[in-house]
Amino acid sequence: MTYSCLIVDDNEIERDAIEMHLKKIPSLNIIAVCNNGIEASQILSTNTVDIVYSDIDMPELSGMDLLKSLKQQPLFIFITSFSEYAAESFNLDALDFIVKPATFERILKATNKAIEYLELKKLVGKEKTYDDNSTNEEGGDHFFFRETKGITKLRYDQVIYIESMGDFSKLFTSSDKHIILVSLKNLEKQLPSKIFSRVHKQYIININHITTLTNHEVHLEHNFLVPISASNRQELLEKSIDKKILSRFLK
């Protein structure tokens, strides 16, 4: 299966570098390389595109404004020099956010995520549609969720973390991963808040699996690592960690 993609960047050197990386991925077909958002908008209005690799800070029409202007939105992977755009880009449901310089490994990771999402969406389109009511906060130590293959049971303590995939979510255990037909936003509302905590626009973690917390990352058991935002870090500290930190001085 081949997926169509579009590159948008006003910097010629960086634009060429992204094109070079994408040409190494056999499943991609680059339909156009644009040097500004207006040119990209015109192409997107007349062509079906699966994935857009876009800079953000561009004259006249930024990458975010380009995304907002589209009625039919392809998957957007933002590639920018400015990390401060990350929160806003995920609020716009961008699939991924890459800080320049963009390495081939990082672009490949984002591309694989996009392809996985597109293939899953196609598969789900052939399946029966379900409401996002698979989990609940009621008693017990487990929950059920729907996958494309059926209904699966997991204990809460088996879940290490959950990653957003737009309309779906990817759940990781110590030895497996599951694609859940529920958005991360709706999972957050249904999973018990005493166990699960949102640490990033794209991640929920099981706080019982935390091994180390740094300023920007959460290290989890089984060598998992996820990013954490400053606001979510403070909330996690206040809700769970501060209460269990051993005191240096005792009264």
Protein backbone atom coordinates (compact mmCIF):
# COMPACT_ATOMS: atom_id res chain seq x y z
CA MET A 1 0.00 0.00 0.00
CA THR A 2 1.30 3.46 -0.93
CA TYR A 3 0.32 6.64 0.89
CA SER A 4 0.43 10.12 -0.63
CA CYS A 5 2.25 12.89 1.20
CA LEU A 6 3.01 16.59 0.89
CA ILE A 7 6.02 18.57 2.16
CA VAL A 8 5.67 22.23 3.20
CA ASP A 9 8.65 24.31 4.35
CA ASP A 10 9.86 27.80 3.43
CA ASN A 11 13.51 26.85 4.05
CA GLU A 12 14.98 25.25 0.93
CA ILE A 13 17.74 23.34 2.74
CA GLU A 14 15.40 21.85 5.32
CA ARG A 15 12.75 21.18 2.68
CA ASP A 16 15.25 19.21 0.59
CA ALA A 17 16.42 17.29 3.66
CA ILE A 18 12.88 16.19 4.51
CA GLU A 19 12.29 15.16 0.89
CA MET A 20 15.51 13.13 0.94
CA HIS A 21 14.39 11.31 4.10
CA LEU A 22 10.88 10.58 2.81
CA LYS A 23 12.18 9.18 -0.47
CA LYS A 24 13.82 6.41 1.56
CA ILE A 25 10.41 5.18 2.76
CA PRO A 26 8.94 2.89 0.07
CA SER A 27 5.33 3.24 1.23
CA LEU A 28 5.25 7.00 0.59
CA ASN A 29 4.49 8.85 -2.62
CA ILE A 30 5.47 12.53 -2.52
CA ILE A 31 2.93 14.36 -4.67
CA ALA A 32 4.34 17.86 -4.12
CA VAL A 33 7.02 19.85 -2.33
CA CYS A 34 5.83 23.35 -1.40
CA ASN A 35 7.77 26.38 -0.19
CA ASN A 36 4.82 28.07 1.54
CA GLY A 37 1.42 27.39 3.08
CA ILE A 38 -0.58 29.07 0.32
CA GLU A 39 0.89 26.81 -2.35
CA ALA A 40 0.20 23.79 -0.13
CA SER A 41 -3.40 24.93 0.41
CA GLN A 42 -4.00 25.06 -3.34
CA ILE A 43 -2.64 21.57 -3.85
CA LEU A 44 -4.64 20.17 -0.93
CA SER A 45 -7.83 21.66 -2.35
CA THR A 46 -7.52 19.61 -5.54
CA ASN A 47 -5.66 16.47 -4.41
CA THR A 48 -6.23 13.71 -1.88
CA VAL A 49 -3.28 13.65 0.51
CA ASP A 50 -2.81 11.19 3.38
CA ILE A 51 0.05 12.83 5.29
CA VAL A 52 1.36 16.41 5.39
CA TYR A 53 4.87 17.11 6.70
CA SER A 54 4.74 20.82 7.48
CA ASP A 55 6.85 23.54 9.00
CA ILE A 56 4.93 25.84 11.35
CA ASP A 57 6.60 29.26 11.23
CA MET A 58 6.06 30.32 7.61
CA PRO A 59 5.13 33.74 6.14
CA GLU A 60 1.53 34.58 5.16
CA LEU A 61 0.07 31.20 6.11
CA SER A 62 1.62 29.22 8.96
CA GLY A 63 1.48 25.46 9.21
CA MET A 64 -1.13 25.67 11.96
CA ASP A 65 -3.27 28.10 9.99
CA LEU A 66 -2.99 25.77 7.01
CA LEU A 67 -4.32 22.90 9.11
CA LYS A 68 -7.15 25.04 10.52
CA SER A 69 -8.20 26.16 7.03
CA LEU A 70 -8.83 22.65 5.71
CA LYS A 71 -12.29 21.10 5.79
CA GLN A 72 -10.94 17.65 4.96
CA GLN A 73 -7.83 17.33 7.09
CA PRO A 74 -5.08 14.83 6.27
CA LEU A 75 -2.74 13.68 9.01
CA PHE A 76 -0.33 16.48 9.94
CA ILE A 77 3.21 15.93 11.19
CA PHE A 78 4.71 19.26 12.17
CA ILE A 79 8.46 19.74 11.78
CA THR A 80 9.69 22.97 13.35
CA SER A 81 12.58 24.67 15.10
CA PHE A 82 10.30 25.96 17.88
CA SER A 83 9.43 23.45 20.61
CA GLU A 84 7.00 25.91 22.22
CA TYR A 85 4.49 25.14 19.46
CA ALA A 86 4.06 21.56 20.66
CA ALA A 87 1.04 22.02 22.96
CA GLU A 88 -0.92 24.05 20.42
CA SER A 89 -0.15 21.59 17.62
CA PHE A 90 -1.52 18.67 19.63
CA ASN A 91 -4.60 20.75 20.49
CA LEU A 92 -5.18 20.85 16.73
CA ASP A 93 -4.90 17.04 16.67
CA ALA A 94 -1.60 16.95 14.83
CA LEU A 95 -0.43 13.36 14.75
CA ASP A 96 3.17 14.15 15.69
CA PHE A 97 5.56 17.02 16.38
CA ILE A 98 9.24 16.92 15.42
CA VAL A 99 11.83 19.49 16.49
CA LYS A 100 14.45 20.33 13.84
CA PRO A 101 16.90 19.11 12.82
CA ALA A 102 14.69 16.20 11.80
CA THR A 103 16.64 12.95 11.59
CA PHE A 104 15.60 10.08 9.35
CA GLU A 105 14.94 7.89 12.40
CA ARG A 106 12.55 10.45 13.89
CA ILE A 107 10.72 11.03 10.61
CA LEU A 108 10.44 7.27 10.08
CA LYS A 109 8.94 6.84 13.55
CA ALA A 110 6.34 9.53 12.86
CA THR A 111 5.59 8.06 9.44
CA ASN A 112 5.10 4.56 10.83
CA LYS A 113 2.68 6.00 13.38
CA ALA A 114 0.76 7.75 10.60
CA ILE A 115 0.60 4.61 8.45
CA GLU A 116 -0.53 2.52 11.42
CA TYR A 117 -3.30 5.04 12.06
CA LEU A 118 -4.41 5.08 8.40
CA GLU A 119 -4.47 1.28 8.18
CA LEU A 120 -6.37 0.99 11.45
CA LYS A 121 -8.91 3.59 10.37
CA LYS A 122 -9.50 1.64 7.16
CA LEU A 123 -9.93 -1.57 9.13
CA VAL A 124 -12.29 0.01 11.65
CA GLY A 125 -14.36 1.38 8.79
CA LYS A 126 -15.16 -2.21 7.86
CA GLU A 127 -16.06 -3.15 11.42
CA LYS A 128 -19.13 -2.39 13.46
CA THR A 129 -18.96 1.07 15.04
CA TYR A 130 -19.00 1.17 18.84
CA ASP A 131 -19.63 3.91 21.38
CA ASP A 132 -16.71 5.05 23.55
CA ASN A 133 -18.09 3.33 26.65
CA SER A 134 -15.77 0.36 27.03
CA THR A 135 -14.24 1.26 30.38
CA ASN A 136 -15.58 2.60 33.65
CA GLU A 137 -14.54 3.83 37.08
CA GLU A 138 -16.69 1.32 38.95
CA GLY A 139 -15.19 -1.19 41.35
CA GLY A 140 -12.86 -4.02 40.49
CA ASP A 141 -9.27 -4.34 39.38
CA HIS A 142 -9.87 -4.73 35.66
CA PHE A 143 -11.66 -3.33 32.62
CA PHE A 144 -12.77 -4.43 29.18
CA PHE A 145 -12.14 -2.70 25.87
CA ARG A 146 -12.93 -3.28 22.24
CA GLU A 147 -10.29 -4.08 19.67
CA THR A 148 -10.83 -4.93 16.04
CA LYS A 149 -10.52 -8.62 16.97
CA GLY A 150 -13.12 -8.46 19.76
CA ILE A 151 -13.41 -7.58 23.46
CA THR A 152 -10.33 -7.86 25.68
CA LYS A 153 -9.98 -7.90 29.46
CA LEU A 154 -7.00 -6.32 31.26
CA ARG A 155 -6.17 -5.60 34.86
CA TYR A 156 -5.35 -1.98 35.58
CA ASP A 157 -1.93 -2.93 36.92
CA GLN A 158 -1.03 -4.53 33.59
CA VAL A 159 -1.22 -1.20 31.78
CA ILE A 160 2.09 0.72 31.65
CA TYR A 161 1.01 3.68 29.52
CA ILE A 162 -1.35 4.72 26.73
CA GLU A 163 -0.50 6.76 23.63
CA SER A 164 -2.93 8.80 21.54
CA MET A 165 -3.52 7.88 17.91
CA GLY A 166 -6.16 10.49 17.12
CA ASP A 167 -9.54 8.76 17.26
CA PHE A 168 -7.86 5.65 18.70
CA SER A 169 -5.33 4.86 21.41
CA LYS A 170 -2.41 2.47 21.73
CA LEU A 171 -2.15 0.71 25.10
CA PHE A 172 1.16 -0.79 26.24
CA THR A 173 1.67 -3.61 28.72
CA SER A 174 5.01 -5.15 29.68
CA SER A 175 4.87 -7.61 26.81
CA ASP A 176 2.23 -6.45 24.35
CA LYS A 177 0.36 -3.52 22.85
CA HIS A 178 -3.31 -3.08 21.99
CA ILE A 179 -5.11 -0.67 19.69
CA ILE A 180 -8.20 0.60 21.49
CA LEU A 181 -11.13 2.03 19.53
CA VAL A 182 -11.44 4.91 22.01
CA SER A 183 -9.75 8.32 21.95
CA LEU A 184 -7.28 9.27 24.68
CA LYS A 185 -9.62 12.06 25.78
CA ASN A 186 -12.44 9.61 26.41
CA LEU A 187 -10.14 7.09 28.06
CA GLU A 188 -9.00 9.75 30.50
CA LYS A 189 -12.63 10.31 31.53
CA GLN A 190 -13.26 6.61 32.15
CA LEU A 191 -10.08 5.19 33.67
CA PRO A 192 -9.64 5.56 37.48
CA SER A 193 -7.78 8.81 38.18
CA LYS A 194 -6.11 7.32 41.27
CA ILE A 195 -4.17 4.99 38.99
CA PHE A 196 -3.90 6.80 35.65
CA SER A 197 -2.59 10.30 35.01
CA ARG A 198 -2.38 12.44 31.88
CA VAL A 199 1.22 13.58 31.54
CA HIS A 200 1.17 14.96 27.99
CA LYS A 201 -1.28 15.78 25.21
CA GLN A 202 -0.53 12.35 23.77
CA TYR A 203 0.13 10.17 26.84
CA ILE A 204 -1.55 8.72 29.92
CA ILE A 205 0.56 6.70 32.34
CA ASN A 206 -0.09 4.25 35.15
CA ILE A 207 1.49 6.09 38.09
CA ASN A 208 2.24 2.82 39.87
CA HIS A 209 4.80 2.00 37.17
CA ILE A 210 6.85 5.20 37.55
CA THR A 211 10.53 4.59 38.28
CA THR A 212 12.01 8.07 37.72
CA LEU A 213 10.56 11.52 37.10
CA THR A 214 12.71 14.22 35.47
CA ASN A 215 11.80 17.73 34.33
CA HIS A 216 10.78 16.57 30.87
CA GLU A 217 10.32 12.78 30.98
CA VAL A 218 8.75 9.97 32.96
CA HIS A 219 10.69 6.70 33.15
CA LEU A 220 8.42 3.69 33.58
CA GLU A 221 9.03 0.05 34.40
CA HIS A 222 10.11 -2.25 31.58
CA ASN A 223 12.27 0.53 30.08
CA PHE A 224 9.41 2.67 28.79
CA LEU A 225 9.95 6.43 28.50
CA VAL A 226 7.34 9.13 27.79
CA PRO A 227 7.50 12.94 27.72
CA ILE A 228 5.80 15.07 30.36
CA SER A 229 4.69 18.68 30.10
CA ALA A 230 5.48 21.22 32.82
CA SER A 231 1.84 21.65 33.87
CA ASN A 232 1.16 17.92 33.95
CA ARG A 233 4.37 17.35 35.92
CA GLN A 234 3.24 19.75 38.62
CA GLU A 235 -0.19 18.13 38.75
CA LEU A 236 1.37 14.66 39.03
CA LEU A 237 3.63 15.80 41.85
CA GLU A 238 0.77 17.32 43.82
CA LYS A 239 -1.65 14.45 43.20
CA SER A 240 0.55 11.44 43.75
CA ILE A 241 4.27 11.84 44.30
CA ASP A 242 4.67 14.59 46.90
CA LYS A 243 2.50 12.63 49.33
CA LYS A 244 4.91 9.69 49.22
CA ILE A 245 8.27 11.45 49.20
CA LEU A 246 10.32 10.62 52.31
CA SER A 247 10.95 13.71 54.40
CA ARG A 248 14.51 14.89 54.98
CA PHE A 249 13.65 16.31 58.38
CA LEU A 250 11.21 14.98 60.94
CA LYS A 251 9.52 17.12 63.53
